[in-house]
Amino acid sequence: MEGPLFWSLAVLAAVLVGMSKGGLPVVGMLGVPVLSLVLSPVTAAGLLLPVFVVSDWFGLYAYRREFDARVLKLMIPATTLGVGLGWATATVVPEWLVTGIIGLIGAAFALNAILQRNSQPPARPLNRGAGWFWGTVTGFTSFVSHSGAPPYQVFVLPLRLPKMVFAGTSTILFAYVNAIKLVPYWFLGQLSTENLHVAAMLLVPAAIAVFLGVKLVRIVPTQLFFKIVVWALLLISLRLIWEAAKQAL
């Protein structure tokens, strides 16, 4: 973990993580793939988890008054179950399979949203069954590869929450998910002393990026904001499908 290339990519990954905590949840998924250019995906995920957790503190402060309590009350226990399932099956389920499923779900949802861009369907009511299902999937996929955003957005975007409430709810939920992931990651040996040392050096760019993300969410028009979210979801989902296909072959 040294050299200009490593540190350049590590800082970029930390900035992406920080911006995600500022209310742009999809971009945080790019952190592990970026760092995987110089590290194994497992090592990259373990190194970035402390960066996620500390960045969450700044995100929680920024969005402490803007969130949907209904969504959080439903998805917090569901994501807890998902993280538990991820821990229980960590040595059984191939990472490429989970990555591919995440990519397919996200791509299908994003394409459907893009194809229906000329229509504005009414907000869907909160469905507890769907919330438990997608919340569990969110916790599981977040545990495996920090890729909980696609299944989370499949459930939350149709609720048509206000822009700042959507961003705040996302930030608070994933702050909780990342915090509870610390215990299983520690027992699985993914939080080494070297990882923690490097992560500590990445906290400053990540913290700055949190407030940059908050600023962008506030100034970008609502319609454009959700277009960016959907298109980013599509592009990242296609990247996940590609990565899964390479690992499978």
Protein backbone atom coordinates (compact mmCIF):
# COMPACT_ATOMS: atom_id res chain seq x y z
CA MET A 1 0.00 0.00 0.00
CA GLU A 2 2.41 2.64 -1.22
CA GLY A 3 3.39 4.59 -4.29
CA PRO A 4 1.82 7.52 -6.16
CA LEU A 5 -0.72 5.36 -8.01
CA PHE A 6 -2.02 3.74 -4.84
CA TRP A 7 -2.38 7.02 -2.96
CA SER A 8 -3.98 8.78 -5.92
CA LEU A 9 -6.61 6.07 -6.23
CA ALA A 10 -7.04 5.83 -2.45
CA VAL A 11 -7.74 9.57 -2.15
CA LEU A 12 -10.15 9.41 -5.10
CA ALA A 13 -11.97 6.49 -3.45
CA ALA A 14 -12.16 8.42 -0.16
CA VAL A 15 -13.60 11.47 -1.95
CA LEU A 16 -16.25 9.29 -3.61
CA VAL A 17 -17.15 7.79 -0.24
CA GLY A 18 -17.37 11.24 1.33
CA MET A 19 -19.58 12.60 -1.46
CA SER A 20 -21.91 9.64 -1.01
CA LYS A 21 -22.30 10.60 2.65
CA GLY A 22 -23.10 14.10 1.52
CA GLY A 23 -26.26 12.81 -0.14
CA LEU A 24 -25.08 11.19 -3.37
CA PRO A 25 -25.35 7.53 -2.31
CA VAL A 26 -24.64 5.94 -5.68
CA VAL A 27 -21.16 7.42 -6.13
CA GLY A 28 -19.94 5.69 -2.97
CA MET A 29 -20.24 2.38 -4.82
CA LEU A 30 -17.36 3.48 -7.04
CA GLY A 31 -14.94 3.52 -4.11
CA VAL A 32 -14.23 -0.22 -3.96
CA PRO A 33 -13.93 -0.66 -7.77
CA VAL A 34 -11.52 2.30 -7.96
CA LEU A 35 -9.32 0.96 -5.17
CA SER A 36 -9.56 -2.55 -6.63
CA LEU A 37 -7.31 -1.34 -9.46
CA VAL A 38 -4.38 -1.66 -7.03
CA LEU A 39 -5.75 -3.96 -4.29
CA SER A 40 -7.89 -7.07 -4.10
CA PRO A 41 -11.61 -6.24 -3.80
CA VAL A 42 -11.75 -7.82 -0.33
CA THR A 43 -8.81 -5.73 0.92
CA ALA A 44 -10.26 -2.60 -0.69
CA ALA A 45 -13.64 -3.16 1.01
CA GLY A 46 -11.98 -3.67 4.40
CA LEU A 47 -9.79 -0.59 4.02
CA LEU A 48 -12.68 1.68 3.03
CA LEU A 49 -15.12 0.58 5.74
CA PRO A 50 -13.57 2.85 8.44
CA VAL A 51 -13.64 5.70 5.92
CA PHE A 52 -17.34 5.03 5.35
CA VAL A 53 -18.02 4.98 9.09
CA VAL A 54 -16.20 8.21 9.97
CA SER A 55 -17.64 10.00 6.92
CA ASP A 56 -21.05 8.93 8.19
CA TRP A 57 -20.56 11.11 11.28
CA PHE A 58 -20.31 14.22 9.13
CA GLY A 59 -23.25 13.12 6.99
CA LEU A 60 -25.38 12.53 10.07
CA TYR A 61 -24.67 16.06 11.25
CA ALA A 62 -25.48 17.56 7.85
CA TYR A 63 -28.82 15.72 7.54
CA ARG A 64 -29.83 15.51 11.20
CA ARG A 65 -33.18 17.22 10.48
CA GLU A 66 -33.98 15.90 7.00
CA PHE A 67 -35.10 12.27 6.80
CA ASP A 68 -38.16 10.04 6.52
CA ALA A 69 -38.71 8.26 9.84
CA ARG A 70 -41.14 5.75 8.28
CA VAL A 71 -38.49 4.45 5.88
CA LEU A 72 -35.84 4.25 8.60
CA LYS A 73 -38.11 2.41 11.06
CA LEU A 74 -38.88 -0.16 8.38
CA MET A 75 -35.45 -0.59 6.81
CA ILE A 76 -33.17 -0.52 9.86
CA PRO A 77 -34.31 -3.93 11.18
CA ALA A 78 -34.45 -5.30 7.62
CA THR A 79 -30.91 -4.22 6.81
CA THR A 80 -29.74 -5.67 10.13
CA LEU A 81 -31.12 -9.02 9.02
CA GLY A 82 -29.39 -8.62 5.66
CA VAL A 83 -26.00 -7.90 7.26
CA GLY A 84 -26.47 -10.97 9.49
CA LEU A 85 -27.18 -13.11 6.43
CA GLY A 86 -24.12 -11.71 4.70
CA TRP A 87 -21.95 -12.58 7.68
CA ALA A 88 -23.42 -16.07 7.96
CA THR A 89 -22.82 -16.83 4.27
CA ALA A 90 -19.55 -14.91 3.82
CA THR A 91 -17.57 -18.07 3.05
CA VAL A 92 -20.30 -19.75 1.02
CA VAL A 93 -21.79 -17.31 -1.51
CA PRO A 94 -19.40 -16.28 -4.34
CA GLU A 95 -18.85 -12.53 -4.44
CA TRP A 96 -19.21 -12.45 -8.23
CA LEU A 97 -22.71 -13.90 -7.98
CA VAL A 98 -23.85 -11.24 -5.54
CA THR A 99 -22.18 -8.53 -7.62
CA GLY A 100 -23.96 -9.73 -10.76
CA ILE A 101 -27.36 -9.86 -9.08
CA ILE A 102 -26.90 -6.34 -7.71
CA GLY A 103 -25.98 -5.11 -11.18
CA LEU A 104 -28.97 -6.77 -12.84
CA ILE A 105 -31.43 -5.40 -10.28
CA GLY A 106 -30.04 -1.88 -10.53
CA ALA A 107 -29.85 -1.88 -14.33
CA ALA A 108 -33.40 -3.18 -14.73
CA PHE A 109 -34.80 -0.56 -12.37
CA ALA A 110 -32.80 2.31 -13.90
CA LEU A 111 -33.74 1.35 -17.47
CA ASN A 112 -37.40 1.17 -16.50
CA ALA A 113 -37.18 4.63 -14.91
CA ILE A 114 -35.41 6.09 -17.96
CA LEU A 115 -37.90 4.59 -20.42
CA GLN A 116 -40.75 6.09 -18.40
CA ARG A 117 -39.12 9.53 -18.25
CA ASN A 118 -42.03 11.21 -20.04
CA SER A 119 -44.53 10.04 -17.45
CA GLN A 120 -44.68 11.00 -13.80
CA PRO A 121 -46.25 8.11 -11.90
CA PRO A 122 -47.70 9.05 -8.53
CA ALA A 123 -45.75 8.24 -5.41
CA ARG A 124 -46.19 4.69 -4.23
CA PRO A 125 -47.40 4.09 -0.68
CA LEU A 126 -44.95 2.58 1.76
CA ASN A 127 -45.26 -1.20 1.49
CA ARG A 128 -43.94 -3.03 4.55
CA GLY A 129 -43.43 -6.34 2.77
CA ALA A 130 -41.43 -4.70 -0.01
CA GLY A 131 -39.51 -2.71 2.56
CA TRP A 132 -38.47 -5.83 4.45
CA PHE A 133 -37.43 -7.58 1.23
CA TRP A 134 -35.41 -4.73 -0.26
CA GLY A 135 -34.04 -3.76 3.14
CA THR A 136 -32.72 -7.28 3.66
CA VAL A 137 -31.19 -7.30 0.19
CA THR A 138 -29.68 -3.87 0.88
CA GLY A 139 -28.01 -5.06 4.09
CA PHE A 140 -26.74 -8.25 2.45
CA THR A 141 -25.25 -6.56 -0.62
CA SER A 142 -23.79 -3.75 1.46
CA PHE A 143 -22.04 -6.30 3.64
CA VAL A 144 -20.61 -8.21 0.70
CA SER A 145 -19.31 -5.34 -1.41
CA HIS A 146 -20.53 -1.96 -0.08
CA SER A 147 -23.11 -2.07 -2.91
CA GLY A 148 -26.36 -1.54 -1.06
CA ALA A 149 -27.48 1.51 -3.04
CA PRO A 150 -29.22 -0.24 -6.00
CA PRO A 151 -31.67 -2.38 -3.99
CA TYR A 152 -32.23 0.51 -1.57
CA GLN A 153 -33.11 2.84 -4.43
CA VAL A 154 -35.41 0.26 -6.04
CA PHE A 155 -37.55 0.58 -2.92
CA VAL A 156 -37.13 4.26 -2.01
CA LEU A 157 -37.12 6.12 -5.35
CA PRO A 158 -40.76 5.19 -6.17
CA LEU A 159 -41.80 6.81 -2.87
CA ARG A 160 -40.84 10.13 -4.51
CA LEU A 161 -39.42 11.66 -1.36
CA PRO A 162 -38.32 15.31 -1.46
CA LYS A 163 -34.71 15.65 -2.64
CA MET A 164 -33.16 16.56 0.71
CA VAL A 165 -35.26 13.98 2.58
CA PHE A 166 -34.17 11.29 0.11
CA ALA A 167 -30.51 12.26 0.60
CA GLY A 168 -30.82 12.44 4.38
CA THR A 169 -32.67 9.14 4.72
CA SER A 170 -30.04 7.43 2.56
CA THR A 171 -27.19 8.89 4.60
CA ILE A 172 -28.69 7.93 7.97
CA LEU A 173 -29.61 4.39 6.95
CA PHE A 174 -26.20 3.59 5.50
CA ALA A 175 -24.48 5.16 8.50
CA TYR A 176 -26.26 2.57 10.62
CA VAL A 177 -25.48 -0.28 8.21
CA ASN A 178 -21.79 0.60 8.04
CA ALA A 179 -21.55 0.80 11.83
CA ILE A 180 -22.97 -2.67 12.41
CA LYS A 181 -20.69 -4.10 9.69
CA LEU A 182 -17.63 -3.29 11.81
CA VAL A 183 -18.11 -6.30 14.08
CA PRO A 184 -18.32 -9.01 11.39
CA TYR A 185 -15.58 -7.34 9.33
CA TRP A 186 -13.32 -7.45 12.38
CA PHE A 187 -13.98 -11.14 13.00
CA LEU A 188 -13.43 -11.91 9.31
CA GLY A 189 -10.00 -10.26 9.50
CA GLN A 190 -10.74 -7.38 7.13
CA LEU A 191 -9.81 -4.60 9.58
CA SER A 192 -6.05 -5.06 9.87
CA THR A 193 -3.77 -2.56 11.60
CA GLU A 194 -2.31 -1.54 8.24
CA ASN A 195 -5.78 -0.94 6.79
CA LEU A 196 -6.75 1.22 9.77
CA HIS A 197 -3.56 3.26 9.44
CA VAL A 198 -4.19 3.97 5.75
CA ALA A 199 -7.88 4.66 6.41
CA ALA A 200 -6.95 7.26 9.05
CA MET A 201 -4.92 9.15 6.45
CA LEU A 202 -7.90 9.21 4.08
CA LEU A 203 -10.34 10.75 6.54
CA VAL A 204 -9.52 14.38 5.73
CA PRO A 205 -10.33 14.21 1.98
CA ALA A 206 -13.39 12.11 2.79
CA ALA A 207 -14.68 14.65 5.36
CA ILE A 208 -14.20 17.55 2.95
CA ALA A 209 -16.03 15.60 0.25
CA VAL A 210 -19.04 15.08 2.57
CA PHE A 211 -19.75 18.80 2.64
CA LEU A 212 -19.06 19.08 -1.09
CA GLY A 213 -21.73 16.44 -1.62
CA VAL A 214 -24.20 18.29 0.62
CA LYS A 215 -23.56 21.49 -1.34
CA LEU A 216 -24.18 19.77 -4.66
CA VAL A 217 -27.43 18.22 -3.43
CA ARG A 218 -28.67 21.64 -2.28
CA ILE A 219 -27.89 23.52 -5.49
CA VAL A 220 -28.78 20.91 -8.13
CA PRO A 221 -32.45 21.22 -9.26
CA THR A 222 -34.65 18.39 -7.98
CA GLN A 223 -35.53 16.91 -11.38
CA LEU A 224 -31.90 16.97 -12.50
CA PHE A 225 -30.80 15.48 -9.18
CA PHE A 226 -32.97 12.39 -9.61
CA LYS A 227 -31.97 12.06 -13.28
CA ILE A 228 -28.34 12.01 -12.19
CA VAL A 229 -29.12 9.39 -9.53
CA VAL A 230 -30.92 7.13 -12.02
CA TRP A 231 -28.27 7.43 -14.74
CA ALA A 232 -25.48 6.89 -12.23
CA LEU A 233 -27.33 3.84 -10.96
CA LEU A 234 -27.51 2.46 -14.52
CA LEU A 235 -23.83 3.05 -15.29
CA ILE A 236 -22.63 1.58 -12.01
CA SER A 237 -24.97 -1.40 -12.38
CA LEU A 238 -23.56 -2.13 -15.84
CA ARG A 239 -20.07 -1.93 -14.37
CA LEU A 240 -21.05 -4.42 -11.66
CA ILE A 241 -22.42 -6.82 -14.29
CA TRP A 242 -19.17 -6.53 -16.22
CA GLU A 243 -17.08 -7.18 -13.11
CA ALA A 244 -19.22 -10.21 -12.18
CA ALA A 245 -18.86 -11.65 -15.68
CA LYS A 246 -15.05 -11.27 -15.55
CA GLN A 247 -14.86 -12.95 -12.14
CA ALA A 248 -17.16 -15.77 -13.20
CA LEU A 249 -15.07 -16.52 -16.28
